[in-house]
């Protein structure tokens, strides 16, 4: 069952008496949870890439896409709540520094914890994605080189007139 489609704003919403601050904290908490899930998925992708397990990659990619879509929706919800905090006719500044002035006590502490957790998670995810990208590039380079070698090693064939049709082994092996 896909648990990524659960809207956070229904858990703590202004309609249920939740303040915009509470909704923002709930959304940021959910974003942190999803980024941590993306880290796990990125590590699983790395393991699949190293094991050449293509069958495992497809569901991981689909999960990544699903989580990214939910993060986009959460971002929209968070911006709407920040707009409520800022008030009408006020430009929305959703940076943590701008949000801090609207929070106090435990809520401000929690906001700081979420900020640090999100920062660390995004940095870790960026590193994992760069490593996975390097693995894919390396695999593609190896596959391309192997393909050239195999094509160059194919024997020449002859047509009815006796002329060569197909690759010339010596000429094509090193000219790729």
N, C-alpha and C. Protein backbone atom coordinates (compact mmCIF):
# COMPACT_ATOMS: atom_id res chain seq x y z
N UNK A 1 0.83 -1.19 0.00
CA UNK A 1 0.00 0.00 0.00
C UNK A 1 0.87 1.24 0.00
N UNK A 2 0.54 2.20 -0.82
CA UNK A 2 1.31 3.43 -0.93
C UNK A 2 0.88 4.40 0.17
N UNK A 3 1.79 4.67 1.09
CA UNK A 3 1.47 5.58 2.19
C UNK A 3 1.89 7.01 1.90
N UNK A 4 2.40 7.26 0.70
CA UNK A 4 2.89 8.59 0.38
C UNK A 4 1.78 9.55 0.00
N UNK A 5 0.58 9.04 -0.24
CA UNK A 5 -0.51 9.91 -0.68
C UNK A 5 -1.35 10.45 0.46
N UNK A 6 -0.95 10.19 1.68
CA UNK A 6 -1.70 10.70 2.82
C UNK A 6 -1.40 12.19 3.00
N UNK A 7 -2.41 13.05 2.87
CA UNK A 7 -2.16 14.47 3.04
C UNK A 7 -1.91 14.81 4.50
N UNK A 8 -0.82 15.50 4.75
CA UNK A 8 -0.44 15.86 6.11
C UNK A 8 -1.41 16.90 6.65
N UNK A 9 -1.90 17.77 5.80
CA UNK A 9 -2.75 18.86 6.28
C UNK A 9 -4.07 18.35 6.85
N UNK A 10 -4.44 17.10 6.58
CA UNK A 10 -5.65 16.57 7.21
C UNK A 10 -5.36 16.12 8.63
N UNK A 11 -4.10 15.88 8.95
CA UNK A 11 -3.72 15.48 10.30
C UNK A 11 -3.79 16.69 11.24
N UNK A 12 -3.18 17.78 10.84
CA UNK A 12 -3.20 19.01 11.63
C UNK A 12 -3.61 20.12 10.69
N UNK A 13 -4.86 20.45 10.67
CA UNK A 13 -5.32 21.48 9.74
C UNK A 13 -5.95 22.63 10.49
N UNK A 14 -5.93 23.82 9.88
CA UNK A 14 -6.57 24.97 10.50
C UNK A 14 -8.06 24.71 10.76
N UNK A 15 -8.70 23.91 9.91
CA UNK A 15 -10.12 23.61 10.09
C UNK A 15 -10.35 22.82 11.38
N UNK A 16 -9.37 22.05 11.82
CA UNK A 16 -9.47 21.28 13.06
C UNK A 16 -8.89 22.04 14.24
N UNK A 17 -8.60 23.28 14.06
CA UNK A 17 -8.05 24.08 15.15
C UNK A 17 -6.54 24.13 15.17
N UNK A 18 -5.91 23.54 14.19
CA UNK A 18 -4.46 23.58 14.12
C UNK A 18 -4.00 24.91 13.56
N UNK A 19 -2.97 25.46 14.14
CA UNK A 19 -2.45 26.74 13.67
C UNK A 19 -1.59 26.52 12.43
N UNK A 20 -1.37 27.58 11.66
CA UNK A 20 -0.45 27.44 10.51
C UNK A 20 0.93 26.95 10.94
N UNK A 21 1.38 27.36 12.12
CA UNK A 21 2.67 26.90 12.62
C UNK A 21 2.68 25.38 12.80
N UNK A 22 1.59 24.84 13.39
CA UNK A 22 1.51 23.40 13.61
C UNK A 22 1.46 22.65 12.28
N UNK A 23 0.73 23.20 11.33
CA UNK A 23 0.64 22.56 10.02
C UNK A 23 2.00 22.59 9.33
N UNK A 24 2.70 23.72 9.41
CA UNK A 24 4.03 23.84 8.79
C UNK A 24 4.99 22.83 9.42
N UNK A 25 4.96 22.70 10.74
CA UNK A 25 5.83 21.73 11.41
C UNK A 25 5.48 20.30 10.99
N UNK A 26 4.19 20.00 10.87
CA UNK A 26 3.77 18.67 10.43
C UNK A 26 4.24 18.39 9.00
N UNK A 27 4.10 19.38 8.15
CA UNK A 27 4.54 19.21 6.75
C UNK A 27 6.05 19.03 6.69
N UNK A 28 6.79 19.85 7.41
CA UNK A 28 8.25 19.72 7.41
C UNK A 28 8.67 18.37 7.98
N UNK A 29 7.97 17.89 8.99
CA UNK A 29 8.26 16.57 9.54
C UNK A 29 8.03 15.47 8.52
N UNK A 30 6.95 15.60 7.76
CA UNK A 30 6.66 14.62 6.71
C UNK A 30 7.70 14.71 5.59
N UNK A 31 8.11 15.93 5.24
CA UNK A 31 9.15 16.09 4.22
C UNK A 31 10.44 15.42 4.68
N UNK A 32 10.79 15.59 5.95
CA UNK A 32 12.00 14.96 6.47
C UNK A 32 11.88 13.44 6.38
N UNK A 33 10.74 12.90 6.75
CA UNK A 33 10.53 11.46 6.68
C UNK A 33 10.69 10.96 5.23
N UNK A 34 10.13 11.70 4.29
CA UNK A 34 10.21 11.30 2.89
C UNK A 34 11.64 11.42 2.34
N UNK A 35 12.37 12.45 2.74
CA UNK A 35 13.76 12.56 2.30
C UNK A 35 14.60 11.41 2.88
N UNK A 36 14.31 11.03 4.11
CA UNK A 36 15.02 9.89 4.68
C UNK A 36 14.67 8.60 3.93
N UNK A 37 13.44 8.49 3.47
CA UNK A 37 13.05 7.33 2.65
C UNK A 37 13.80 7.36 1.32
N UNK A 38 13.93 8.55 0.73
CA UNK A 38 14.68 8.67 -0.53
C UNK A 38 16.14 8.26 -0.35
N UNK A 39 16.71 8.52 0.82
CA UNK A 39 18.08 8.10 1.10
C UNK A 39 18.16 6.57 1.08
N UNK A 40 17.20 5.93 1.73
CA UNK A 40 17.18 4.46 1.75
C UNK A 40 17.03 3.92 0.33
N UNK A 41 16.14 4.51 -0.45
CA UNK A 41 15.93 4.06 -1.83
C UNK A 41 17.21 4.29 -2.66
N UNK A 42 17.88 5.42 -2.47
CA UNK A 42 19.12 5.69 -3.20
C UNK A 42 20.20 4.67 -2.85
N UNK A 43 20.26 4.26 -1.58
CA UNK A 43 21.22 3.23 -1.18
C UNK A 43 20.86 1.89 -1.82
N UNK A 44 19.56 1.59 -1.89
CA UNK A 44 19.12 0.35 -2.55
C UNK A 44 19.43 0.40 -4.05
N UNK A 45 19.29 1.57 -4.65
CA UNK A 45 19.64 1.71 -6.07
C UNK A 45 21.13 1.44 -6.27
N UNK A 46 21.95 1.98 -5.38
CA UNK A 46 23.40 1.76 -5.49
C UNK A 46 23.71 0.27 -5.40
N UNK A 47 23.09 -0.41 -4.44
CA UNK A 47 23.32 -1.85 -4.31
C UNK A 47 22.88 -2.59 -5.56
N UNK A 48 21.74 -2.20 -6.12
CA UNK A 48 21.24 -2.85 -7.35
C UNK A 48 22.18 -2.58 -8.52
N UNK A 49 22.68 -1.35 -8.61
CA UNK A 49 23.61 -1.02 -9.69
C UNK A 49 24.89 -1.84 -9.57
N UNK A 50 25.41 -1.95 -8.37
CA UNK A 50 26.64 -2.71 -8.17
C UNK A 50 26.45 -4.20 -8.44
N UNK A 51 25.24 -4.70 -8.20
CA UNK A 51 24.94 -6.11 -8.43
C UNK A 51 24.42 -6.36 -9.85
N UNK A 52 24.31 -5.31 -10.65
CA UNK A 52 23.74 -5.39 -12.00
C UNK A 52 22.34 -6.00 -11.97
N UNK A 53 21.57 -5.64 -10.96
CA UNK A 53 20.22 -6.16 -10.77
C UNK A 53 19.21 -5.17 -11.35
N UNK A 54 19.01 -5.25 -12.65
CA UNK A 54 18.13 -4.33 -13.36
C UNK A 54 16.69 -4.48 -12.91
N UNK A 55 16.28 -5.69 -12.57
CA UNK A 55 14.90 -5.93 -12.16
C UNK A 55 14.55 -5.19 -10.86
N UNK A 56 15.51 -4.96 -10.02
CA UNK A 56 15.27 -4.24 -8.77
C UNK A 56 15.20 -2.74 -9.00
N UNK A 57 15.87 -2.25 -10.03
CA UNK A 57 15.92 -0.80 -10.27
C UNK A 57 14.57 -0.20 -10.64
N UNK A 58 13.79 -0.87 -11.45
CA UNK A 58 12.52 -0.30 -11.93
C UNK A 58 11.58 0.08 -10.79
N UNK A 59 11.31 -0.80 -9.82
CA UNK A 59 10.42 -0.38 -8.73
C UNK A 59 11.02 0.72 -7.86
N UNK A 60 12.33 0.74 -7.74
CA UNK A 60 12.98 1.79 -6.95
C UNK A 60 12.83 3.14 -7.63
N UNK A 61 12.95 3.15 -8.95
CA UNK A 61 12.76 4.39 -9.70
C UNK A 61 11.32 4.87 -9.58
N UNK A 62 10.37 3.93 -9.68
CA UNK A 62 8.95 4.30 -9.53
C UNK A 62 8.68 4.86 -8.14
N UNK A 63 9.28 4.27 -7.13
CA UNK A 63 9.08 4.77 -5.76
C UNK A 63 9.66 6.17 -5.62
N UNK A 64 10.83 6.39 -6.19
CA UNK A 64 11.46 7.71 -6.15
C UNK A 64 10.54 8.75 -6.80
N UNK A 65 9.98 8.40 -7.94
CA UNK A 65 9.07 9.32 -8.63
C UNK A 65 7.83 9.61 -7.79
N UNK A 66 7.30 8.59 -7.13
CA UNK A 66 6.13 8.78 -6.28
C UNK A 66 6.41 9.68 -5.10
N UNK A 67 7.54 9.46 -4.46
CA UNK A 67 7.92 10.29 -3.32
C UNK A 67 8.16 11.73 -3.77
N UNK A 68 8.79 11.91 -4.92
CA UNK A 68 9.04 13.26 -5.43
C UNK A 68 7.72 13.99 -5.70
N UNK A 69 6.72 13.29 -6.21
CA UNK A 69 5.42 13.91 -6.45
C UNK A 69 4.76 14.34 -5.14
N UNK A 70 4.87 13.50 -4.13
CA UNK A 70 4.29 13.85 -2.82
C UNK A 70 5.03 15.04 -2.23
N UNK A 71 6.35 15.07 -2.37
CA UNK A 71 7.12 16.20 -1.87
C UNK A 71 6.70 17.50 -2.54
N UNK A 72 6.40 17.44 -3.82
CA UNK A 72 5.93 18.62 -4.54
C UNK A 72 4.60 19.11 -3.97
N UNK A 73 3.68 18.16 -3.70
CA UNK A 73 2.39 18.54 -3.11
C UNK A 73 2.57 19.13 -1.71
N UNK A 74 3.47 18.52 -0.94
CA UNK A 74 3.73 19.04 0.40
C UNK A 74 4.30 20.46 0.35
N UNK A 75 5.16 20.68 -0.60
CA UNK A 75 5.75 22.02 -0.78
C UNK A 75 4.65 23.04 -1.06
N UNK A 76 3.72 22.68 -1.92
CA UNK A 76 2.59 23.58 -2.22
C UNK A 76 1.77 23.86 -0.97
N UNK A 77 1.50 22.80 -0.19
CA UNK A 77 0.74 22.97 1.06
C UNK A 77 1.50 23.87 2.04
N UNK A 78 2.80 23.64 2.13
CA UNK A 78 3.61 24.44 3.06
C UNK A 78 3.61 25.91 2.65
N UNK A 79 3.75 26.18 1.35
CA UNK A 79 3.73 27.57 0.89
C UNK A 79 2.40 28.24 1.19
N UNK A 80 1.31 27.49 1.08
CA UNK A 80 0.00 28.04 1.41
C UNK A 80 -0.08 28.41 2.88
N UNK A 81 0.47 27.58 3.74
CA UNK A 81 0.45 27.86 5.18
C UNK A 81 1.37 29.03 5.52
N UNK A 82 2.49 29.13 4.84
CA UNK A 82 3.38 30.28 5.06
C UNK A 82 2.68 31.55 4.63
N UNK A 83 1.89 31.49 3.56
CA UNK A 83 1.10 32.64 3.13
C UNK A 83 0.11 33.07 4.20
N UNK A 84 -0.50 32.11 4.89
CA UNK A 84 -1.41 32.44 6.00
C UNK A 84 -0.67 33.12 7.13
N UNK A 85 0.55 32.65 7.40
CA UNK A 85 1.36 33.29 8.45
C UNK A 85 1.74 34.72 8.08
N UNK A 86 2.14 34.90 6.84
CA UNK A 86 2.62 36.21 6.40
C UNK A 86 1.48 37.21 6.31
N UNK A 87 0.28 36.73 6.03
CA UNK A 87 -0.87 37.64 5.89
C UNK A 87 -1.05 38.07 4.45
N UNK A 88 -2.19 38.68 4.20
CA UNK A 88 -2.50 39.14 2.84
C UNK A 88 -1.59 40.29 2.44
N UNK A 89 -1.36 40.40 1.15
CA UNK A 89 -0.57 41.47 0.55
C UNK A 89 0.86 41.51 1.07
N UNK A 90 1.34 40.38 1.57
CA UNK A 90 2.72 40.30 2.02
C UNK A 90 3.42 39.25 1.18
N UNK A 91 4.58 39.58 0.63
CA UNK A 91 5.29 38.57 -0.17
C UNK A 91 5.64 37.36 0.70
N UNK A 92 5.49 36.17 0.15
CA UNK A 92 5.75 34.95 0.89
C UNK A 92 7.25 34.65 0.85
N UNK A 93 7.85 34.62 2.04
CA UNK A 93 9.25 34.25 2.19
C UNK A 93 9.26 32.98 3.02
N UNK A 94 9.53 31.85 2.39
CA UNK A 94 9.43 30.58 3.10
C UNK A 94 10.78 30.05 3.58
N UNK A 95 11.78 30.91 3.67
CA UNK A 95 13.07 30.47 4.20
C UNK A 95 12.93 30.23 5.70
N UNK A 96 13.79 29.38 6.21
CA UNK A 96 13.73 29.09 7.64
C UNK A 96 13.96 30.33 8.49
N UNK A 97 14.85 31.21 8.04
CA UNK A 97 15.11 32.44 8.79
C UNK A 97 13.86 33.30 8.87
N UNK A 98 13.12 33.39 7.77
CA UNK A 98 11.90 34.18 7.78
C UNK A 98 10.80 33.52 8.60
N UNK A 99 10.78 32.20 8.63
CA UNK A 99 9.76 31.48 9.39
C UNK A 99 10.00 31.56 10.90
N UNK A 100 11.24 31.61 11.29
CA UNK A 100 11.58 31.57 12.72
C UNK A 100 10.87 32.65 13.52
N UNK A 101 10.68 33.82 12.94
CA UNK A 101 10.04 34.92 13.69
C UNK A 101 8.59 34.61 14.03
N UNK A 102 7.97 33.68 13.32
CA UNK A 102 6.57 33.32 13.57
C UNK A 102 6.43 32.17 14.56
N UNK A 103 7.53 31.64 15.05
CA UNK A 103 7.51 30.51 15.97
C UNK A 103 8.14 30.92 17.30
N UNK A 104 7.69 30.28 18.37
CA UNK A 104 8.28 30.55 19.68
C UNK A 104 8.31 29.27 20.50
N UNK A 105 9.13 29.26 21.53
CA UNK A 105 9.20 28.13 22.46
C UNK A 105 9.56 26.81 21.79
N UNK A 106 8.79 25.77 22.14
CA UNK A 106 9.05 24.43 21.62
C UNK A 106 8.89 24.36 20.10
N UNK A 107 7.96 25.14 19.57
CA UNK A 107 7.75 25.14 18.12
C UNK A 107 8.99 25.68 17.41
N UNK A 108 9.62 26.69 17.96
CA UNK A 108 10.85 27.24 17.36
C UNK A 108 11.98 26.22 17.44
N UNK A 109 12.07 25.53 18.57
CA UNK A 109 13.09 24.49 18.72
C UNK A 109 12.87 23.38 17.70
N UNK A 110 11.61 22.95 17.55
CA UNK A 110 11.28 21.90 16.60
C UNK A 110 11.59 22.35 15.17
N UNK A 111 11.29 23.61 14.86
CA UNK A 111 11.59 24.15 13.53
C UNK A 111 13.09 24.06 13.26
N UNK A 112 13.91 24.41 14.26
CA UNK A 112 15.36 24.32 14.11
C UNK A 112 15.83 22.88 13.90
N UNK A 113 15.22 21.94 14.63
CA UNK A 113 15.58 20.53 14.47
C UNK A 113 15.23 20.04 13.07
N UNK A 114 14.05 20.42 12.61
CA UNK A 114 13.63 20.02 11.26
C UNK A 114 14.53 20.63 10.20
N UNK A 115 14.90 21.87 10.41
CA UNK A 115 15.81 22.55 9.46
C UNK A 115 17.11 21.79 9.34
N UNK A 116 17.69 21.43 10.48
CA UNK A 116 18.97 20.72 10.46
C UNK A 116 18.81 19.33 9.87
N UNK A 117 17.74 18.63 10.24
CA UNK A 117 17.50 17.30 9.70
C UNK A 117 17.31 17.32 8.19
N UNK A 118 16.55 18.29 7.70
CA UNK A 118 16.34 18.41 6.25
C UNK A 118 17.65 18.75 5.53
N UNK A 119 18.42 19.63 6.12
CA UNK A 119 19.70 20.00 5.51
C UNK A 119 20.62 18.78 5.38
N UNK A 120 20.73 18.01 6.47
CA UNK A 120 21.59 16.83 6.44
C UNK A 120 21.06 15.78 5.46
N UNK A 121 19.76 15.58 5.45
CA UNK A 121 19.16 14.57 4.57
C UNK A 121 19.35 14.93 3.10
N UNK A 122 19.12 16.19 2.77
CA UNK A 122 19.26 16.61 1.38
C UNK A 122 20.73 16.50 0.94
N UNK A 123 21.65 16.84 1.82
CA UNK A 123 23.07 16.72 1.48
C UNK A 123 23.45 15.26 1.27
N UNK A 124 22.99 14.38 2.15
CA UNK A 124 23.29 12.95 2.00
C UNK A 124 22.67 12.40 0.72
N UNK A 125 21.44 12.80 0.43
CA UNK A 125 20.77 12.35 -0.79
C UNK A 125 21.51 12.83 -2.03
N UNK A 126 21.99 14.07 -2.01
CA UNK A 126 22.74 14.61 -3.14
C UNK A 126 24.00 13.78 -3.39
N UNK A 127 24.71 13.44 -2.33
CA UNK A 127 25.93 12.64 -2.47
C UNK A 127 25.61 11.26 -3.04
N UNK A 128 24.57 10.61 -2.52
CA UNK A 128 24.19 9.30 -3.01
C UNK A 128 23.77 9.35 -4.48
N UNK A 129 23.01 10.37 -4.85
CA UNK A 129 22.59 10.49 -6.24
C UNK A 129 23.78 10.72 -7.17
N UNK A 130 24.76 11.50 -6.73
CA UNK A 130 25.96 11.71 -7.54
C UNK A 130 26.74 10.41 -7.70
N UNK A 131 26.84 9.63 -6.62
CA UNK A 131 27.53 8.34 -6.71
C UNK A 131 26.79 7.39 -7.65
N UNK A 132 25.47 7.35 -7.54
CA UNK A 132 24.69 6.48 -8.42
C UNK A 132 24.82 6.91 -9.87
N UNK A 133 24.83 8.21 -10.12
CA UNK A 133 25.01 8.72 -11.48
C UNK A 133 26.37 8.30 -12.03
N UNK A 134 27.39 8.37 -11.19
CA UNK A 134 28.73 7.96 -11.63
C UNK A 134 28.75 6.46 -11.95
N UNK A 135 28.04 5.65 -11.17
CA UNK A 135 27.98 4.22 -11.46
C UNK A 135 27.29 3.95 -12.79
N UNK A 136 26.21 4.66 -13.06
CA UNK A 136 25.49 4.48 -14.32
C UNK A 136 26.38 4.90 -15.49
N UNK A 137 27.06 6.03 -15.35
CA UNK A 137 27.97 6.48 -16.43
C UNK A 137 29.07 5.46 -16.68
N UNK A 138 29.63 4.93 -15.60
CA UNK A 138 30.69 3.94 -15.73
C UNK A 138 30.15 2.69 -16.44
N UNK A 139 28.97 2.26 -16.08
CA UNK A 139 28.37 1.08 -16.71
C UNK A 139 28.11 1.33 -18.20
N UNK A 140 27.62 2.52 -18.53
CA UNK A 140 27.36 2.85 -19.93
C UNK A 140 28.66 2.89 -20.73
N UNK A 141 29.69 3.46 -20.16
CA UNK A 141 30.99 3.52 -20.83
C UNK A 141 31.53 2.11 -21.07
N UNK A 142 31.44 1.27 -20.04
CA UNK A 142 31.91 -0.11 -20.18
C UNK A 142 31.11 -0.84 -21.24
N UNK A 143 29.79 -0.66 -21.24
CA UNK A 143 28.93 -1.32 -22.23
C UNK A 143 29.26 -0.86 -23.64
N UNK A 144 29.48 0.42 -23.80
CA UNK A 144 29.83 0.95 -25.13
C UNK A 144 31.16 0.39 -25.61
N UNK A 145 32.14 0.35 -24.73
CA UNK A 145 33.45 -0.19 -25.12
C UNK A 145 33.35 -1.68 -25.44
N UNK A 146 32.59 -2.42 -24.68
CA UNK A 146 32.41 -3.84 -24.92
C UNK A 146 31.71 -4.05 -26.26
N UNK A 147 30.70 -3.24 -26.55
CA UNK A 147 29.98 -3.34 -27.81
C UNK A 147 30.91 -3.10 -28.99
N UNK A 148 31.76 -2.11 -28.89
CA UNK A 148 32.72 -1.84 -29.97
C UNK A 148 33.66 -3.02 -30.18
N UNK A 149 34.11 -3.60 -29.08
CA UNK A 149 35.04 -4.72 -29.17
C UNK A 149 34.37 -5.92 -29.82
N UNK A 150 33.13 -6.19 -29.44
CA UNK A 150 32.41 -7.33 -30.02
C UNK A 150 32.13 -7.10 -31.50
N UNK A 151 31.71 -5.90 -31.87
CA UNK A 151 31.46 -5.60 -33.28
C UNK A 151 32.72 -5.75 -34.10
N UNK A 152 33.83 -5.31 -33.54
CA UNK A 152 35.10 -5.39 -34.29
C UNK A 152 35.56 -6.83 -34.45
N UNK A 153 35.16 -7.69 -33.54
CA UNK A 153 35.60 -9.09 -33.59
C UNK A 153 34.73 -9.96 -34.48
N UNK A 154 33.64 -9.42 -35.01
CA UNK A 154 32.78 -10.21 -35.89
C UNK A 154 33.54 -10.56 -37.16
N UNK A 155 33.39 -11.77 -37.62
CA UNK A 155 34.11 -12.15 -38.85
C UNK A 155 33.50 -11.48 -40.07
N UNK A 156 34.33 -11.24 -41.03
CA UNK A 156 33.86 -10.65 -42.28
C UNK A 156 33.08 -11.71 -43.05
N UNK A 157 32.10 -11.29 -43.76
CA UNK A 157 31.35 -12.20 -44.62
C UNK A 157 31.58 -11.79 -46.07
N UNK A 158 31.24 -12.68 -46.99
CA UNK A 158 31.51 -12.43 -48.40
C UNK A 158 30.21 -12.48 -49.19
N UNK A 159 30.14 -11.61 -50.19
CA UNK A 159 28.96 -11.66 -51.06
C UNK A 159 29.25 -12.57 -52.26
N UNK A 160 28.32 -12.67 -53.22
CA UNK A 160 28.47 -13.59 -54.35
C UNK A 160 29.68 -13.29 -55.22
N UNK A 161 30.09 -12.04 -55.27
CA UNK A 161 31.23 -11.68 -56.12
C UNK A 161 32.55 -11.97 -55.42
N UNK A 162 32.51 -12.33 -54.12
CA UNK A 162 33.74 -12.64 -53.41
C UNK A 162 34.32 -11.46 -52.64
N UNK A 163 33.67 -10.32 -52.71
CA UNK A 163 34.17 -9.17 -51.96
C UNK A 163 33.69 -9.25 -50.51
N UNK A 164 34.47 -8.62 -49.64
CA UNK A 164 34.19 -8.65 -48.21
C UNK A 164 33.01 -7.74 -47.88
N UNK A 165 32.11 -8.25 -47.07
CA UNK A 165 30.99 -7.48 -46.54
C UNK A 165 31.06 -7.62 -45.03
N UNK A 166 31.05 -6.53 -44.30
CA UNK A 166 31.12 -6.61 -42.85
C UNK A 166 32.36 -5.90 -42.34
N UNK A 167 32.57 -5.98 -41.09
CA UNK A 167 33.68 -5.22 -40.48
C UNK A 167 35.04 -5.78 -40.86
N UNK A 168 35.95 -4.87 -40.97
CA UNK A 168 37.35 -5.25 -41.19
C UNK A 168 37.97 -5.29 -39.79
N UNK A 169 38.40 -6.44 -39.37
CA UNK A 169 38.81 -6.64 -37.98
C UNK A 169 39.93 -5.68 -37.58
N UNK A 170 41.01 -5.65 -38.30
CA UNK A 170 42.14 -4.81 -37.91
C UNK A 170 41.81 -3.34 -37.98
N UNK A 171 41.05 -2.92 -38.98
CA UNK A 171 40.74 -1.51 -39.16
C UNK A 171 39.79 -1.00 -38.10
N UNK A 172 38.84 -1.81 -37.68
CA UNK A 172 37.79 -1.31 -36.78
C UNK A 172 38.13 -1.48 -35.31
N UNK A 173 39.04 -2.36 -34.98
CA UNK A 173 39.31 -2.64 -33.58
C UNK A 173 39.81 -1.41 -32.84
N UNK A 174 40.70 -0.64 -33.42
CA UNK A 174 41.29 0.47 -32.69
C UNK A 174 40.83 1.83 -33.19
N UNK A 175 39.99 1.89 -34.16
CA UNK A 175 39.52 3.17 -34.68
C UNK A 175 38.19 3.61 -34.08
N UNK A 176 37.74 2.97 -33.07
CA UNK A 176 36.44 3.29 -32.48
C UNK A 176 36.46 4.58 -31.70
